[in-house]
């Protein structure tokens, strides 16, 4: 397909491009205990100014009321995260993720305003075959594209590509700099989502990560669901986990787990799945895979109606 035909698909693409999803309410900030006052006062020291958390949040409220863009909220967090409570940092991060999703379609439009811009992105990508090369403004010569990439990065997005087109996605790694100011479940959530944005699992209806990586990510997602059952981000992780169940037991249209012509298990998947260690594993996900592989071994690794029914029960289809 030619470049200009791909560009003609832009309006369809804008409706399909999505971003990964959102941030959770964190735990409370542990208070500091006061030390016992000595009998004789030491030399007087300089008193640190007391931070007024409520005043900072009032400034934040005004910022949001003035239709702040994502980059402005990131700047606010950079300046204040270290002095706010964990609850308030989590609140701002939740708001910011929602704001990023709302602003994303507007930013996407800027990537499709001209065929020249997409062509320049294609040329940059061809030069290094590395999407990170495009995300570094020092590699860009034209001011228009440099400005767009700068806005993208400062607003907490990154450039991705699929089907010959380039577009922004939420970059969850941008939240890692606040890890020390948030609760454990929020940190774990960011790690899971950053992995998805740093190394997207699928493009063009095909897996672009290995079957072993699929299993590893699904296992981590399941662990989050079990460990942080009360987390406000549980629905988002469950949604992601369900997607990985589909990857695991069905594959994708262009990376099917079983061949279309003979219903035979893909050799690269078989090589990974048959080497899994299922012993002493309390993971429901791994136990489901164990039962799946036992059925497949008995069928000489061919998909049968019984196996198809088994896997559909797991993924809820």
Protein backbone atom coordinates (compact mmCIF):
# COMPACT_ATOMS: atom_id res chain seq x y z
CA UNK A 1 0.00 0.00 0.00
CA UNK A 2 1.38 3.39 -0.93
CA UNK A 3 2.13 6.17 1.54
CA UNK A 4 -0.61 8.47 0.26
CA UNK A 5 -3.18 5.67 0.47
CA UNK A 6 -2.19 5.21 4.07
CA UNK A 7 -2.65 8.89 4.74
CA UNK A 8 -6.14 8.72 3.25
CA UNK A 9 -7.02 6.36 6.07
CA UNK A 10 -6.24 9.00 8.66
CA UNK A 11 -9.77 9.73 9.68
CA UNK A 12 -10.44 6.06 10.32
CA UNK A 13 -7.23 5.82 12.27
CA UNK A 14 -8.05 8.71 14.52
CA UNK A 15 -11.10 6.83 15.73
CA UNK A 16 -9.19 3.62 16.36
CA UNK A 17 -6.05 4.84 18.03
CA UNK A 18 -6.39 4.46 21.72
CA UNK A 19 -4.40 4.90 24.68
CA UNK A 20 -3.91 2.75 27.52
CA UNK A 21 -5.84 3.60 30.67
CA UNK A 22 -5.57 5.53 34.06
CA UNK A 23 -4.21 5.96 37.66
CA UNK A 24 -5.37 4.94 41.13
CA UNK A 25 -6.01 6.37 44.55
CA UNK A 26 -2.90 5.89 46.68
CA UNK A 27 -2.36 5.16 50.37
CA UNK A 28 -1.71 7.60 53.16
CA UNK A 29 1.53 9.38 53.91
CA UNK A 30 3.19 8.10 57.08
CA UNK A 31 3.62 10.79 59.69
CA UNK A 32 6.90 11.59 61.41
CA UNK A 33 7.24 11.14 65.18
CA UNK A 34 8.62 13.99 67.23
CA UNK A 35 11.94 13.42 69.01
CA UNK A 36 12.26 13.87 72.80
CA UNK A 37 13.42 17.35 73.77
CA UNK A 38 16.83 17.30 75.53
CA UNK A 39 17.31 18.85 78.99
CA UNK A 40 19.57 21.53 77.54
CA UNK A 41 18.49 23.10 74.27
CA UNK A 42 21.07 22.81 71.50
CA UNK A 43 22.15 25.80 69.48
CA UNK A 44 19.16 27.25 67.67
CA UNK A 45 18.70 26.02 64.11
CA UNK A 46 16.92 27.46 61.13
CA UNK A 47 13.26 26.44 61.12
CA UNK A 48 12.09 24.92 57.84
CA UNK A 49 8.98 26.67 56.49
CA UNK A 50 5.78 24.67 56.88
CA UNK A 51 4.21 23.60 53.61
CA UNK A 52 0.54 24.42 53.33
CA UNK A 53 -0.86 21.39 51.53
CA UNK A 54 -4.35 22.89 51.33
CA UNK A 55 -3.01 26.08 49.74
CA UNK A 56 -1.14 24.11 47.08
CA UNK A 57 -4.25 22.11 46.26
CA UNK A 58 -6.22 25.34 46.01
CA UNK A 59 -3.70 26.48 43.39
CA UNK A 60 -4.17 23.15 41.64
CA UNK A 61 -7.95 23.61 41.63
CA UNK A 62 -7.54 26.99 39.96
CA UNK A 63 -5.18 25.47 37.41
CA UNK A 64 -7.76 22.87 36.42
CA UNK A 65 -10.58 25.41 36.35
CA UNK A 66 -8.53 27.42 33.84
CA UNK A 67 -8.57 24.48 31.39
CA UNK A 68 -5.00 23.41 32.00
CA UNK A 69 -3.33 21.21 29.41
CA UNK A 70 -1.44 18.04 30.39
CA UNK A 71 1.99 19.69 30.18
CA UNK A 72 0.90 22.33 32.72
CA UNK A 73 -0.26 19.67 35.17
CA UNK A 74 3.02 17.78 34.75
CA UNK A 75 4.86 21.00 35.53
CA UNK A 76 2.69 21.47 38.62
CA UNK A 77 3.46 17.93 39.79
CA UNK A 78 7.18 18.39 39.17
CA UNK A 79 7.13 21.43 41.42
CA UNK A 80 4.89 20.13 44.21
CA UNK A 81 4.87 16.31 44.36
CA UNK A 82 7.60 16.15 47.00
CA UNK A 83 5.65 18.31 49.47
CA UNK A 84 2.11 17.03 48.93
CA UNK A 85 0.51 14.09 50.70
CA UNK A 86 0.38 10.77 48.89
CA UNK A 87 -3.38 11.12 48.60
CA UNK A 88 -3.10 14.45 46.82
CA UNK A 89 -0.33 13.26 44.50
CA UNK A 90 -2.56 10.31 43.58
CA UNK A 91 -5.52 12.62 43.05
CA UNK A 92 -3.54 14.82 40.67
CA UNK A 93 -2.15 11.81 38.80
CA UNK A 94 -5.65 10.41 38.36
CA UNK A 95 -6.85 13.75 37.02
CA UNK A 96 -3.83 14.01 34.76
CA UNK A 97 -4.37 10.62 33.18
CA UNK A 98 -7.99 11.51 32.46
CA UNK A 99 -6.88 14.83 31.03
CA UNK A 100 -4.37 13.05 28.80
CA UNK A 101 -7.08 10.78 27.41
CA UNK A 102 -9.34 13.75 26.75
CA UNK A 103 -6.59 15.74 25.04
CA UNK A 104 -5.24 12.83 23.00
CA UNK A 105 -7.66 13.18 20.02
CA UNK A 106 -6.69 16.84 19.65
CA UNK A 107 -3.02 15.95 19.66
CA UNK A 108 -3.61 13.11 17.19
CA UNK A 109 -5.16 15.55 14.75
CA UNK A 110 -1.93 17.52 14.64
CA UNK A 111 -0.12 14.43 13.37
CA UNK A 112 -2.43 14.21 10.37
CA UNK A 113 -2.70 17.86 9.38
CA UNK A 114 -0.40 17.34 6.39
CA UNK A 115 1.01 14.48 4.38
CA UNK A 116 4.43 16.15 4.60
CA UNK A 117 4.54 15.72 8.36
CA UNK A 118 3.78 12.01 8.16
CA UNK A 119 6.33 11.64 5.37
CA UNK A 120 8.98 13.30 7.51
CA UNK A 121 8.17 10.91 10.36
CA UNK A 122 8.46 7.96 7.99
CA UNK A 123 11.86 9.17 6.75
CA UNK A 124 13.09 9.56 10.33
CA UNK A 125 11.90 6.09 11.23
CA UNK A 126 13.47 4.50 8.16
CA UNK A 127 16.79 6.13 9.02
CA UNK A 128 17.16 4.20 12.31
CA UNK A 129 14.25 1.72 12.46
CA UNK A 130 13.84 2.90 16.04
CA UNK A 131 10.77 4.72 17.33
CA UNK A 132 12.83 6.24 20.14
CA UNK A 133 14.84 8.12 17.52
CA UNK A 134 11.72 10.06 16.58
CA UNK A 135 10.93 10.82 20.22
CA UNK A 136 14.24 12.69 20.60
CA UNK A 137 13.80 16.26 19.34
CA UNK A 138 17.56 16.64 18.81
CA UNK A 139 17.22 14.33 15.80
CA UNK A 140 14.61 16.54 14.11
CA UNK A 141 15.51 19.40 11.80
CA UNK A 142 12.24 21.09 10.81
CA UNK A 143 10.80 23.47 13.39
CA UNK A 144 7.19 22.37 12.87
CA UNK A 145 7.88 18.72 13.66
CA UNK A 146 10.35 19.57 16.42
CA UNK A 147 7.68 21.71 18.09
CA UNK A 148 5.08 18.96 17.79
CA UNK A 149 7.37 16.29 19.26
CA UNK A 150 8.35 18.68 22.05
CA UNK A 151 4.68 19.26 22.91
CA UNK A 152 4.08 15.51 22.75
CA UNK A 153 6.87 14.67 25.17
CA UNK A 154 6.20 17.54 27.60
CA UNK A 155 2.55 16.51 27.73
CA UNK A 156 3.38 12.94 28.77
CA UNK A 157 2.93 11.21 25.41
CA UNK A 158 5.27 9.46 23.01
CA UNK A 159 5.17 8.73 19.29
CA UNK A 160 4.19 5.22 18.14
CA UNK A 161 3.66 3.69 14.72
CA UNK A 162 1.33 1.09 13.20
CA UNK A 163 0.24 0.33 9.65
CA UNK A 164 2.70 2.88 8.28
CA UNK A 165 1.29 5.78 10.29
CA UNK A 166 2.61 7.72 13.29
CA UNK A 167 0.59 8.95 16.24
CA UNK A 168 0.88 9.78 19.97
CA UNK A 169 0.10 7.43 22.86
CA UNK A 170 0.15 8.00 26.62
CA UNK A 171 3.67 7.42 27.94
CA UNK A 172 3.25 5.92 31.39
CA UNK A 173 6.98 6.06 32.02
CA UNK A 174 6.48 9.80 32.47
CA UNK A 175 4.90 9.01 35.84
CA UNK A 176 7.87 7.05 37.19
CA UNK A 177 9.56 10.18 38.53
CA UNK A 178 6.78 10.42 41.14
CA UNK A 179 7.18 6.83 42.37
CA UNK A 180 8.64 7.84 45.74
CA UNK A 181 5.59 9.98 46.51
CA UNK A 182 2.86 7.38 45.93
CA UNK A 183 1.54 4.14 47.42
CA UNK A 184 2.72 0.64 46.54
CA UNK A 185 -0.31 -0.28 44.46
CA UNK A 186 0.00 2.87 42.37
CA UNK A 187 3.71 2.20 41.83
CA UNK A 188 2.92 -1.36 40.74
CA UNK A 189 0.23 -0.08 38.39
CA UNK A 190 2.59 2.41 36.78
CA UNK A 191 5.17 -0.35 36.24
CA UNK A 192 2.57 -2.52 34.50
CA UNK A 193 1.29 0.28 32.28
CA UNK A 194 4.74 1.68 31.50
CA UNK A 195 5.72 -1.72 30.17
CA UNK A 196 2.75 -1.55 27.81
CA UNK A 197 3.64 1.92 26.49
CA UNK A 198 7.40 1.32 26.39
CA UNK A 199 7.04 -1.94 24.46
CA UNK A 200 3.56 -2.22 22.97
CA UNK A 201 2.40 -5.84 22.70
CA UNK A 202 0.60 -5.72 19.36
CA UNK A 203 0.52 -3.83 16.08
CA UNK A 204 -1.38 -4.39 12.86
CA UNK A 205 -3.41 -7.24 14.45
CA UNK A 206 -0.20 -9.13 15.26
CA UNK A 207 1.79 -9.77 18.41
CA UNK A 208 5.12 -7.94 18.43
CA UNK A 209 6.29 -9.46 21.70
CA UNK A 210 7.18 -13.12 22.24
CA UNK A 211 4.86 -15.72 23.71
CA UNK A 212 7.12 -15.88 26.77
CA UNK A 213 6.65 -12.14 27.29
CA UNK A 214 2.88 -12.55 26.96
CA UNK A 215 2.91 -15.10 29.76
CA UNK A 216 5.25 -13.01 31.93
CA UNK A 217 3.07 -9.89 31.66
CA UNK A 218 -0.15 -11.80 32.29
CA UNK A 219 1.40 -13.34 35.40
CA UNK A 220 2.34 -9.89 36.74
CA UNK A 221 -1.13 -8.55 36.03
CA UNK A 222 -2.72 -11.48 37.85
CA UNK A 223 -0.37 -10.91 40.80
CA UNK A 224 -1.49 -7.29 41.01
CA UNK A 225 -5.15 -8.34 40.99
CA UNK A 226 -4.55 -10.75 43.89
CA UNK A 227 -2.28 -8.48 45.94
CA UNK A 228 -4.17 -5.21 45.50
CA UNK A 229 -7.77 -6.41 45.50
CA UNK A 230 -8.92 -3.14 47.07
CA UNK A 231 -7.05 -0.87 44.65
CA UNK A 232 -9.11 1.68 42.76
CA UNK A 233 -7.13 0.69 39.67
CA UNK A 234 -8.26 -2.93 39.86
CA UNK A 235 -10.76 -2.52 36.95
CA UNK A 236 -8.05 -1.20 34.63
CA UNK A 237 -5.65 -4.04 35.44
CA UNK A 238 -8.43 -6.62 35.05
CA UNK A 239 -9.26 -5.19 31.63
CA UNK A 240 -5.62 -5.46 30.58
CA UNK A 241 -5.37 -8.98 32.02
CA UNK A 242 -8.42 -10.10 30.00
CA UNK A 243 -6.70 -8.85 26.87
CA UNK A 244 -3.67 -10.97 27.72
CA UNK A 245 -5.87 -14.02 28.26
CA UNK A 246 -6.94 -13.59 24.64
CA UNK A 247 -3.31 -13.26 23.56
CA UNK A 248 -2.41 -16.40 25.51
CA UNK A 249 -5.16 -18.76 24.39
CA UNK A 250 -6.11 -17.38 20.97
CA UNK A 251 -3.35 -15.11 19.74
CA UNK A 252 -4.33 -12.41 17.24
CA UNK A 253 -5.59 -12.44 13.65
CA UNK A 254 -2.09 -12.15 12.19
CA UNK A 255 -0.46 -14.16 14.99
CA UNK A 256 -2.92 -16.98 15.67
CA UNK A 257 -2.07 -19.58 18.29
CA UNK A 258 -3.30 -22.23 15.85
CA UNK A 259 -2.86 -22.27 12.10
CA UNK A 260 -5.91 -21.42 10.01
CA UNK A 261 -5.43 -24.29 7.58
CA UNK A 262 -4.72 -27.23 9.90
CA UNK A 263 -5.56 -25.98 13.42
CA UNK A 264 -2.04 -26.90 14.50
CA UNK A 265 -0.38 -25.02 17.36
CA UNK A 266 2.21 -22.47 16.24
CA UNK A 267 5.69 -23.91 16.69
CA UNK A 268 7.15 -20.86 18.42
CA UNK A 269 4.28 -20.82 20.92
CA UNK A 270 4.53 -24.58 21.44
CA UNK A 271 8.25 -24.25 22.21
CA UNK A 272 7.48 -21.76 24.98
CA UNK A 273 4.33 -23.32 26.40
CA UNK A 274 5.72 -26.87 26.66
CA UNK A 275 8.68 -25.66 28.76
CA UNK A 276 6.58 -23.90 31.39
CA UNK A 277 6.97 -25.08 34.99
CA UNK A 278 3.55 -25.71 36.49
CA UNK A 279 4.73 -27.39 39.68
CA UNK A 280 3.75 -25.81 43.01
CA UNK A 281 2.13 -22.88 41.25
CA UNK A 282 -0.88 -21.27 42.91
CA UNK A 283 -1.53 -19.01 39.93
CA UNK A 284 -4.98 -19.55 38.45
CA UNK A 285 -3.60 -18.33 35.13
CA UNK A 286 -0.79 -20.90 35.13
CA UNK A 287 -3.13 -23.67 36.23
CA UNK A 288 -5.42 -22.80 33.32
CA UNK A 289 -2.43 -23.05 31.01
CA UNK A 290 -1.49 -26.39 32.56
CA UNK A 291 -4.91 -27.85 31.80
CA UNK A 292 -4.77 -26.35 28.32
CA UNK A 293 -1.41 -27.96 27.57
CA UNK A 294 -2.50 -31.34 28.94
CA UNK A 295 -5.43 -31.34 26.52
CA UNK A 296 -3.18 -30.26 23.66
CA UNK A 297 -0.64 -32.99 24.39
CA UNK A 298 -3.38 -35.58 24.15
CA UNK A 299 -4.53 -34.13 20.80
CA UNK A 300 -1.00 -33.94 19.37
CA UNK A 301 -1.18 -30.13 19.69
CA UNK A 302 -4.12 -29.73 17.37
CA UNK A 303 -7.13 -27.61 18.20
CA UNK A 304 -10.22 -29.71 18.88
CA UNK A 305 -13.79 -28.69 19.79
CA UNK A 306 -13.07 -29.74 23.38
CA UNK A 307 -9.97 -27.53 23.59
CA UNK A 308 -11.73 -24.64 21.92
CA UNK A 309 -14.52 -24.86 24.48
CA UNK A 310 -11.94 -24.99 27.29
CA UNK A 311 -10.09 -21.85 26.19
CA UNK A 312 -13.26 -19.87 25.47
CA UNK A 313 -14.48 -20.60 29.00
CA UNK A 314 -11.25 -19.09 30.32
CA UNK A 315 -11.38 -15.90 28.29
CA UNK A 316 -15.15 -15.54 28.71
CA UNK A 317 -16.18 -16.00 25.06
